[in-house]
Every structure is written in structure tokens, then in C-alpha cells.
Amino acid sequence: MIGFSNINGLDIYSTYGIIFRQGTYAELLKAAKRKKGYEFDHNDQNGIETDPDEVPVYERQVYSLPIFIEADSDLQFYSRYNAFKSFLYNSKEFDLDMLEMGRRFKVRYSDMTSFEKLTIIKGANKVGCYFTLQLTDDYPTANFPIV
């Protein structure tokens, strides 16, 4: 899974042992929700009055990314997992580069909404866990180039 995605220029698999699970693209490709613009409902007219010249704006995008993290030992797992949590806790906004999509997302950490241990952690030859990472995107219509 090396070369699939970067966070702030670092390969996410090599650095943290993270693999994006099925459903990641569906989350990242969702269209943003448009904010409600000017509307006025006249009681004596049909329909609703709107401003045809109004420039549309969009709500903050929220992504719930299904993540798998793997390691070769309990020590490597805790090292990777704690390094990733530390990165999230100390980052204000960061670049998530999805290399196959050719797209950079500028996101912020919001929440880890689930965590599921798939293997025993202590003494296992392979350690695997699933979690859902919630990120927010305040630039839902921007297409940032990967540089």
C-alpha cells in the first residue's frame, strides 16, 4: 500500500501502517451541501423569491474515513498508533494527498468515531485494528494540486 496516500508529504502506510478501507473514495467524492441562500416567501405570490445573481456557497464537508492500521508486533502497533494520534492532536490543518485521485484535501481532525481491535495486541505476530477517522474540510469546492 506504499504510494497510495500521503499526509503532509509522508507516506501514510510507511509512516503509520495505515490503509484506507473500502468506502474511502465514496466519502471523499461526496459533493458538498449548498448553504441556503436568500429566500423570501411572499404570502400573496406563488413560489419563493430568490436572488438569481447570488453566488452559491457550501457547507463544511465532513468525511468519515474507514481506516485499517496494521503492524508486525505490539510494539510497532503502539509506536505507529501513538505517533498518528500525536500527529492528529498537534495538527491544525494538514494535507491529505490521495495520489491515485491526483487530489489534495486540506483537512482538520475532528473525531475517531469507532475503534475495533481485530487481533490480540500483546504478543501477536500481526496486529490489526479498524477505526473511523472523521475529518473536516473547509474548502469543499477547491481542487488543490499535489506539489
N, C-alpha and C. Protein backbone atom coordinates (compact mmCIF):
# COMPACT_ATOMS: atom_id res chain seq x y z
N MET A 1 0.80 -1.19 0.00
CA MET A 1 0.00 0.00 0.00
C MET A 1 0.85 1.27 0.00
N ILE A 2 2.14 1.12 -0.15
CA ILE A 2 3.02 2.29 -0.24
C ILE A 2 2.70 3.03 -1.53
N GLY A 3 2.66 4.34 -1.45
CA GLY A 3 2.42 5.16 -2.63
C GLY A 3 0.96 5.42 -2.93
N PHE A 4 0.07 5.12 -2.00
CA PHE A 4 -1.36 5.33 -2.21
C PHE A 4 -1.81 6.69 -1.70
N SER A 5 -1.24 7.09 -0.54
CA SER A 5 -1.69 8.33 0.09
C SER A 5 -0.58 8.90 0.96
N ASN A 6 -0.54 10.23 1.02
CA ASN A 6 0.41 10.93 1.88
C ASN A 6 -0.33 11.87 2.82
N ILE A 7 0.26 12.07 3.99
CA ILE A 7 -0.19 13.11 4.90
C ILE A 7 0.99 14.02 5.13
N ASN A 8 0.81 15.28 4.78
CA ASN A 8 1.89 16.28 4.87
C ASN A 8 3.18 15.77 4.23
N GLY A 9 3.05 15.09 3.10
CA GLY A 9 4.20 14.63 2.35
C GLY A 9 4.78 13.29 2.79
N LEU A 10 4.27 12.71 3.86
CA LEU A 10 4.77 11.41 4.34
C LEU A 10 3.82 10.30 3.90
N ASP A 11 4.40 9.21 3.42
CA ASP A 11 3.58 8.07 3.02
C ASP A 11 2.85 7.53 4.24
N ILE A 12 1.54 7.45 4.15
CA ILE A 12 0.72 7.10 5.31
C ILE A 12 0.92 5.64 5.73
N TYR A 13 1.21 4.76 4.79
CA TYR A 13 1.43 3.37 5.15
C TYR A 13 2.81 3.18 5.78
N SER A 14 3.84 3.71 5.15
CA SER A 14 5.20 3.56 5.68
C SER A 14 5.34 4.20 7.05
N THR A 15 4.69 5.33 7.25
CA THR A 15 4.83 6.08 8.49
C THR A 15 3.96 5.53 9.61
N TYR A 16 2.70 5.22 9.31
CA TYR A 16 1.75 4.85 10.36
C TYR A 16 1.14 3.46 10.20
N GLY A 17 1.42 2.77 9.11
CA GLY A 17 0.83 1.46 8.86
C GLY A 17 -0.64 1.54 8.51
N ILE A 18 -1.06 2.69 7.97
CA ILE A 18 -2.47 2.93 7.69
C ILE A 18 -2.82 2.58 6.25
N ILE A 19 -3.94 1.88 6.11
CA ILE A 19 -4.52 1.56 4.81
C ILE A 19 -5.96 2.06 4.85
N PHE A 20 -6.37 2.77 3.81
CA PHE A 20 -7.75 3.21 3.71
C PHE A 20 -8.60 2.03 3.24
N ARG A 21 -9.70 1.79 3.94
CA ARG A 21 -10.58 0.68 3.63
C ARG A 21 -11.60 1.07 2.57
N GLN A 22 -12.35 0.05 2.13
CA GLN A 22 -13.42 0.27 1.17
C GLN A 22 -14.39 1.31 1.72
N GLY A 23 -14.77 2.24 0.87
CA GLY A 23 -15.68 3.31 1.28
C GLY A 23 -14.98 4.65 1.37
N THR A 24 -13.65 4.65 1.34
CA THR A 24 -12.91 5.90 1.45
C THR A 24 -13.19 6.81 0.26
N TYR A 25 -13.11 6.27 -0.95
CA TYR A 25 -13.37 7.09 -2.13
C TYR A 25 -14.79 7.64 -2.12
N ALA A 26 -15.74 6.81 -1.70
CA ALA A 26 -17.14 7.27 -1.65
C ALA A 26 -17.27 8.47 -0.72
N GLU A 27 -16.57 8.45 0.39
CA GLU A 27 -16.60 9.58 1.32
C GLU A 27 -15.95 10.83 0.70
N LEU A 28 -14.79 10.64 0.11
CA LEU A 28 -14.04 11.79 -0.41
C LEU A 28 -14.65 12.37 -1.69
N LEU A 29 -15.46 11.59 -2.39
CA LEU A 29 -16.05 12.07 -3.64
C LEU A 29 -17.47 12.62 -3.47
N LYS A 30 -17.97 12.64 -2.24
CA LYS A 30 -19.29 13.21 -2.00
C LYS A 30 -19.28 14.69 -2.36
N ALA A 31 -20.34 15.15 -2.98
CA ALA A 31 -20.47 16.57 -3.27
C ALA A 31 -20.86 17.32 -2.00
N ALA A 32 -20.38 18.54 -1.90
CA ALA A 32 -20.68 19.37 -0.73
C ALA A 32 -22.12 19.84 -0.76
N LYS A 33 -22.67 20.06 0.42
CA LYS A 33 -24.03 20.56 0.54
C LYS A 33 -24.03 22.08 0.41
N ARG A 34 -24.92 22.59 -0.42
CA ARG A 34 -25.02 24.02 -0.64
C ARG A 34 -25.72 24.67 0.55
N LYS A 35 -25.18 25.83 0.97
CA LYS A 35 -25.83 26.60 2.02
C LYS A 35 -27.06 27.28 1.46
N LYS A 36 -28.04 27.45 2.32
CA LYS A 36 -29.27 28.11 1.92
C LYS A 36 -28.98 29.59 1.68
N GLY A 37 -29.38 30.07 0.54
CA GLY A 37 -29.19 31.48 0.20
C GLY A 37 -30.40 32.31 0.56
N TYR A 38 -30.48 33.46 -0.06
CA TYR A 38 -31.60 34.36 0.19
C TYR A 38 -32.90 33.75 -0.31
N GLU A 39 -33.90 33.75 0.55
CA GLU A 39 -35.24 33.29 0.18
C GLU A 39 -36.26 34.13 0.93
N PHE A 40 -37.33 34.50 0.24
CA PHE A 40 -38.44 35.18 0.90
C PHE A 40 -39.75 34.65 0.33
N ASP A 41 -40.60 34.22 1.21
CA ASP A 41 -41.88 33.63 0.81
C ASP A 41 -42.98 34.69 0.97
N HIS A 42 -43.38 35.28 -0.16
CA HIS A 42 -44.48 36.25 -0.15
C HIS A 42 -45.79 35.49 -0.04
N ASN A 43 -46.63 35.92 0.88
CA ASN A 43 -47.91 35.24 1.09
C ASN A 43 -48.86 35.37 -0.09
N ASP A 44 -48.69 36.44 -0.86
CA ASP A 44 -49.64 36.68 -1.96
C ASP A 44 -49.07 36.31 -3.33
N GLN A 45 -47.96 35.57 -3.38
CA GLN A 45 -47.35 35.18 -4.66
C GLN A 45 -47.02 33.69 -4.64
N ASN A 46 -46.96 33.11 -5.83
CA ASN A 46 -46.57 31.72 -5.95
C ASN A 46 -45.06 31.60 -5.76
N GLY A 47 -44.64 30.48 -5.29
CA GLY A 47 -43.21 30.20 -5.18
C GLY A 47 -42.52 31.00 -4.09
N ILE A 48 -41.21 31.04 -4.17
CA ILE A 48 -40.37 31.75 -3.21
C ILE A 48 -39.45 32.67 -3.98
N GLU A 49 -39.28 33.88 -3.49
CA GLU A 49 -38.37 34.83 -4.11
C GLU A 49 -36.93 34.46 -3.74
N THR A 50 -36.06 34.38 -4.74
CA THR A 50 -34.64 34.12 -4.52
C THR A 50 -33.83 35.15 -5.28
N ASP A 51 -32.55 35.18 -5.04
CA ASP A 51 -31.66 36.11 -5.75
C ASP A 51 -30.95 35.33 -6.86
N PRO A 52 -31.31 35.56 -8.11
CA PRO A 52 -30.70 34.79 -9.21
C PRO A 52 -29.22 35.11 -9.42
N ASP A 53 -28.75 36.21 -8.88
CA ASP A 53 -27.34 36.59 -9.05
C ASP A 53 -26.47 36.18 -7.86
N GLU A 54 -27.06 35.55 -6.89
CA GLU A 54 -26.33 35.15 -5.70
C GLU A 54 -25.29 34.08 -6.04
N VAL A 55 -24.08 34.26 -5.53
CA VAL A 55 -23.01 33.28 -5.73
C VAL A 55 -23.20 32.18 -4.69
N PRO A 56 -23.29 30.93 -5.12
CA PRO A 56 -23.52 29.85 -4.15
C PRO A 56 -22.30 29.63 -3.25
N VAL A 57 -22.57 29.30 -2.01
CA VAL A 57 -21.52 28.92 -1.05
C VAL A 57 -21.92 27.58 -0.44
N TYR A 58 -20.94 26.87 0.12
CA TYR A 58 -21.16 25.49 0.54
C TYR A 58 -20.75 25.27 1.99
N GLU A 59 -21.40 24.29 2.59
CA GLU A 59 -21.12 23.95 3.98
C GLU A 59 -19.79 23.21 4.10
N ARG A 60 -19.29 23.20 5.31
CA ARG A 60 -18.09 22.42 5.63
C ARG A 60 -18.37 20.96 5.30
N GLN A 61 -17.43 20.32 4.66
CA GLN A 61 -17.55 18.90 4.31
C GLN A 61 -17.02 18.07 5.49
N VAL A 62 -17.73 17.02 5.83
CA VAL A 62 -17.29 16.11 6.89
C VAL A 62 -17.10 14.73 6.27
N TYR A 63 -15.90 14.19 6.43
CA TYR A 63 -15.58 12.87 5.89
C TYR A 63 -15.42 11.89 7.05
N SER A 64 -16.03 10.73 6.93
CA SER A 64 -15.83 9.64 7.88
C SER A 64 -15.07 8.54 7.14
N LEU A 65 -13.77 8.51 7.35
CA LEU A 65 -12.90 7.61 6.58
C LEU A 65 -12.66 6.31 7.33
N PRO A 66 -12.97 5.18 6.69
CA PRO A 66 -12.72 3.87 7.30
C PRO A 66 -11.24 3.49 7.14
N ILE A 67 -10.59 3.28 8.26
CA ILE A 67 -9.13 3.08 8.30
C ILE A 67 -8.80 1.69 8.85
N PHE A 68 -7.75 1.11 8.30
CA PHE A 68 -7.16 -0.12 8.85
C PHE A 68 -5.71 0.22 9.19
N ILE A 69 -5.28 -0.12 10.39
CA ILE A 69 -3.88 0.07 10.75
C ILE A 69 -3.31 -1.31 11.08
N GLU A 70 -2.13 -1.59 10.54
CA GLU A 70 -1.51 -2.88 10.79
C GLU A 70 -0.07 -2.70 11.24
N ALA A 71 0.40 -3.70 11.97
CA ALA A 71 1.78 -3.68 12.47
C ALA A 71 2.26 -5.12 12.62
N ASP A 72 3.57 -5.28 12.68
CA ASP A 72 4.17 -6.60 12.80
C ASP A 72 4.32 -7.07 14.25
N SER A 73 4.09 -6.18 15.20
CA SER A 73 4.20 -6.54 16.62
C SER A 73 3.42 -5.54 17.45
N ASP A 74 3.24 -5.87 18.73
CA ASP A 74 2.54 -4.93 19.61
C ASP A 74 3.34 -3.65 19.78
N LEU A 75 4.65 -3.75 19.84
CA LEU A 75 5.48 -2.54 19.99
C LEU A 75 5.36 -1.64 18.76
N GLN A 76 5.39 -2.23 17.58
CA GLN A 76 5.25 -1.43 16.37
C GLN A 76 3.85 -0.82 16.29
N PHE A 77 2.82 -1.59 16.69
CA PHE A 77 1.47 -1.05 16.68
C PHE A 77 1.37 0.18 17.56
N TYR A 78 1.79 0.07 18.81
CA TYR A 78 1.68 1.21 19.72
C TYR A 78 2.52 2.40 19.25
N SER A 79 3.67 2.11 18.69
CA SER A 79 4.51 3.18 18.16
C SER A 79 3.80 3.92 17.01
N ARG A 80 3.25 3.16 16.07
CA ARG A 80 2.56 3.77 14.93
C ARG A 80 1.28 4.49 15.36
N TYR A 81 0.48 3.80 16.18
CA TYR A 81 -0.80 4.36 16.60
C TYR A 81 -0.61 5.63 17.42
N ASN A 82 0.32 5.60 18.36
CA ASN A 82 0.57 6.78 19.19
C ASN A 82 1.17 7.92 18.39
N ALA A 83 2.02 7.61 17.42
CA ALA A 83 2.57 8.66 16.55
C ALA A 83 1.46 9.30 15.72
N PHE A 84 0.53 8.49 15.22
CA PHE A 84 -0.58 9.02 14.44
C PHE A 84 -1.49 9.89 15.30
N LYS A 85 -1.83 9.41 16.50
CA LYS A 85 -2.66 10.21 17.40
C LYS A 85 -1.96 11.52 17.75
N SER A 86 -0.69 11.47 18.02
CA SER A 86 0.07 12.69 18.33
C SER A 86 0.04 13.66 17.15
N PHE A 87 0.20 13.13 15.94
CA PHE A 87 0.11 13.98 14.75
C PHE A 87 -1.26 14.65 14.68
N LEU A 88 -2.32 13.89 14.87
CA LEU A 88 -3.68 14.44 14.80
C LEU A 88 -3.90 15.50 15.87
N TYR A 89 -3.47 15.23 17.10
CA TYR A 89 -3.68 16.16 18.21
C TYR A 89 -2.91 17.47 18.03
N ASN A 90 -1.78 17.41 17.35
CA ASN A 90 -0.93 18.58 17.23
C ASN A 90 -1.03 19.31 15.90
N SER A 91 -1.85 18.80 14.99
CA SER A 91 -2.01 19.44 13.68
C SER A 91 -3.27 20.29 13.68
N LYS A 92 -3.13 21.49 13.17
CA LYS A 92 -4.32 22.33 13.00
C LYS A 92 -5.01 21.92 11.71
N GLU A 93 -4.36 22.12 10.62
CA GLU A 93 -4.86 21.74 9.30
C GLU A 93 -3.72 21.00 8.61
N PHE A 94 -4.06 19.94 7.88
CA PHE A 94 -2.99 19.19 7.21
C PHE A 94 -3.44 18.77 5.82
N ASP A 95 -2.45 18.40 5.01
CA ASP A 95 -2.69 17.97 3.63
C ASP A 95 -2.86 16.45 3.59
N LEU A 96 -3.97 16.01 3.04
CA LEU A 96 -4.20 14.61 2.78
C LEU A 96 -4.17 14.45 1.27
N ASP A 97 -3.12 13.81 0.76
CA ASP A 97 -2.95 13.61 -0.67
C ASP A 97 -3.40 12.20 -1.04
N MET A 98 -4.41 12.13 -1.88
CA MET A 98 -4.86 10.84 -2.40
C MET A 98 -4.24 10.73 -3.79
N LEU A 99 -3.14 10.02 -3.88
CA LEU A 99 -2.30 10.03 -5.08
C LEU A 99 -3.00 9.45 -6.30
N GLU A 100 -3.77 8.38 -6.14
CA GLU A 100 -4.47 7.80 -7.30
C GLU A 100 -5.55 8.74 -7.83
N MET A 101 -6.10 9.57 -6.97
CA MET A 101 -7.11 10.54 -7.38
C MET A 101 -6.46 11.81 -7.93
N GLY A 102 -5.17 12.00 -7.63
CA GLY A 102 -4.49 13.23 -8.02
C GLY A 102 -5.09 14.44 -7.30
N ARG A 103 -5.48 14.25 -6.06
CA ARG A 103 -6.21 15.29 -5.34
C ARG A 103 -5.65 15.49 -3.94
N ARG A 104 -5.51 16.73 -3.56
CA ARG A 104 -5.11 17.10 -2.20
C ARG A 104 -6.32 17.66 -1.48
N PHE A 105 -6.51 17.20 -0.26
CA PHE A 105 -7.55 17.71 0.62
C PHE A 105 -6.88 18.42 1.78
N LYS A 106 -7.31 19.61 2.10
CA LYS A 106 -6.83 20.33 3.29
C LYS A 106 -7.87 20.10 4.37
N VAL A 107 -7.51 19.32 5.37
CA VAL A 107 -8.48 18.84 6.35
C VAL A 107 -8.00 19.09 7.78
N ARG A 108 -8.93 18.92 8.70
CA ARG A 108 -8.66 19.00 10.14
C ARG A 108 -9.22 17.75 10.80
N TYR A 109 -8.54 17.32 11.85
CA TYR A 109 -9.03 16.19 12.63
C TYR A 109 -10.24 16.64 13.44
N SER A 110 -11.29 15.81 13.44
CA SER A 110 -12.48 16.11 14.21
C SER A 110 -12.74 15.05 15.29
N ASP A 111 -12.68 13.77 14.90
CA ASP A 111 -13.09 12.72 15.84
C ASP A 111 -12.62 11.36 15.33
N MET A 112 -12.52 10.41 16.25
CA MET A 112 -12.34 9.00 15.91
C MET A 112 -13.60 8.33 16.43
N THR A 113 -14.52 8.04 15.54
CA THR A 113 -15.86 7.64 15.97
C THR A 113 -16.01 6.15 16.28
N SER A 114 -15.04 5.36 15.93
CA SER A 114 -15.09 3.93 16.28
C SER A 114 -13.69 3.37 16.31
N PHE A 115 -13.52 2.29 17.05
CA PHE A 115 -12.24 1.59 17.10
C PHE A 115 -12.55 0.13 17.37
N GLU A 116 -12.00 -0.75 16.52
CA GLU A 116 -12.25 -2.18 16.65
C GLU A 116 -10.94 -2.94 16.56
N LYS A 117 -10.61 -3.65 17.61
CA LYS A 117 -9.41 -4.47 17.65
C LYS A 117 -9.70 -5.77 16.91
N LEU A 118 -8.92 -6.09 15.88
CA LEU A 118 -9.16 -7.29 15.08
C LEU A 118 -8.33 -8.48 15.55
N THR A 119 -7.21 -8.20 16.16
CA THR A 119 -6.33 -9.25 16.65
C THR A 119 -5.95 -8.93 18.09
N ILE A 120 -5.39 -9.91 18.76
CA ILE A 120 -4.83 -9.58 20.07
C ILE A 120 -3.65 -8.66 19.83
N ILE A 121 -3.41 -7.78 20.74
CA ILE A 121 -2.32 -6.82 20.54
C ILE A 121 -1.05 -7.35 21.20
N LYS A 122 -1.13 -7.79 22.42
CA LYS A 122 0.06 -8.25 23.14
C LYS A 122 0.50 -9.61 22.65
N GLY A 123 1.72 -9.70 22.14
CA GLY A 123 2.31 -10.97 21.75
C GLY A 123 1.91 -11.51 20.39
N ALA A 124 1.17 -10.75 19.61
CA ALA A 124 0.74 -11.23 18.30
C ALA A 124 1.83 -10.97 17.25
N ASN A 125 1.86 -11.85 16.22
CA ASN A 125 2.81 -11.65 15.13
C ASN A 125 2.36 -10.54 14.20
N LYS A 126 1.06 -10.38 14.06
CA LYS A 126 0.46 -9.29 13.28
C LYS A 126 -0.61 -8.65 14.12
N VAL A 127 -0.67 -7.35 14.09
CA VAL A 127 -1.68 -6.62 14.84
C VAL A 127 -2.48 -5.80 13.85
N GLY A 128 -3.80 -5.87 13.95
CA GLY A 128 -4.66 -5.11 13.06
C GLY A 128 -5.84 -4.52 13.79
N CYS A 129 -6.19 -3.29 13.45
CA CYS A 129 -7.34 -2.59 14.03
C CYS A 129 -8.03 -1.77 12.96
N TYR A 130 -9.34 -1.64 13.11
CA TYR A 130 -10.13 -0.75 12.28
C TYR A 130 -10.51 0.46 13.13
N PHE A 131 -10.58 1.61 12.50
CA PHE A 131 -11.19 2.76 13.14
C PHE A 131 -11.75 3.69 12.08
N THR A 132 -12.63 4.55 12.51
CA THR A 132 -13.22 5.54 11.60
C THR A 132 -12.71 6.89 12.01
N LEU A 133 -12.06 7.54 11.07
CA LEU A 133 -11.46 8.85 11.30
C LEU A 133 -12.36 9.91 10.69
N GLN A 134 -12.77 10.86 11.49
CA GLN A 134 -13.62 11.92 10.99
C GLN A 134 -12.78 13.18 10.79
N LEU A 135 -12.79 13.66 9.54
CA LEU A 135 -12.04 14.86 9.16
C LEU A 135 -13.01 15.90 8.62
N THR A 136 -12.67 17.17 8.78
CA THR A 136 -13.49 18.25 8.22
C THR A 136 -12.69 19.00 7.17
N ASP A 137 -13.41 19.52 6.18
CA ASP A 137 -12.82 20.21 5.04
C ASP A 137 -13.57 21.53 4.84
N ASP A 138 -12.89 22.64 5.08
CA ASP A 138 -13.50 23.96 4.93
C ASP A 138 -13.32 24.54 3.53
N TYR A 139 -12.79 23.74 2.61
CA TYR A 139 -12.59 24.15 1.21
C TYR A 139 -13.26 23.12 0.29
N PRO A 140 -14.55 22.88 0.45
CA PRO A 140 -15.17 21.75 -0.25
C PRO A 140 -15.20 21.87 -1.77
N THR A 141 -15.05 23.07 -2.32
CA THR A 141 -15.10 23.22 -3.78
C THR A 141 -13.72 23.44 -4.39
N ALA A 142 -12.68 23.49 -3.55
CA ALA A 142 -11.33 23.76 -4.06
C ALA A 142 -10.68 22.47 -4.56
N ASN A 143 -9.86 22.59 -5.56
CA ASN A 143 -9.05 21.47 -6.06
C ASN A 143 -7.60 21.87 -5.94
N PHE A 144 -6.97 21.45 -4.85
CA PHE A 144 -5.58 21.79 -4.61
C PHE A 144 -4.68 20.81 -5.34
N PRO A 145 -3.67 21.31 -6.04
CA PRO A 145 -2.73 20.38 -6.70
C PRO A 145 -1.79 19.75 -5.69
N ILE A 146 -1.39 18.54 -5.98
CA ILE A 146 -0.38 17.88 -5.16
C ILE A 146 0.97 18.37 -5.66
N VAL A 147 1.71 19.03 -4.78
CA VAL A 147 3.02 19.57 -5.18
C VAL A 147 4.15 18.86 -4.48
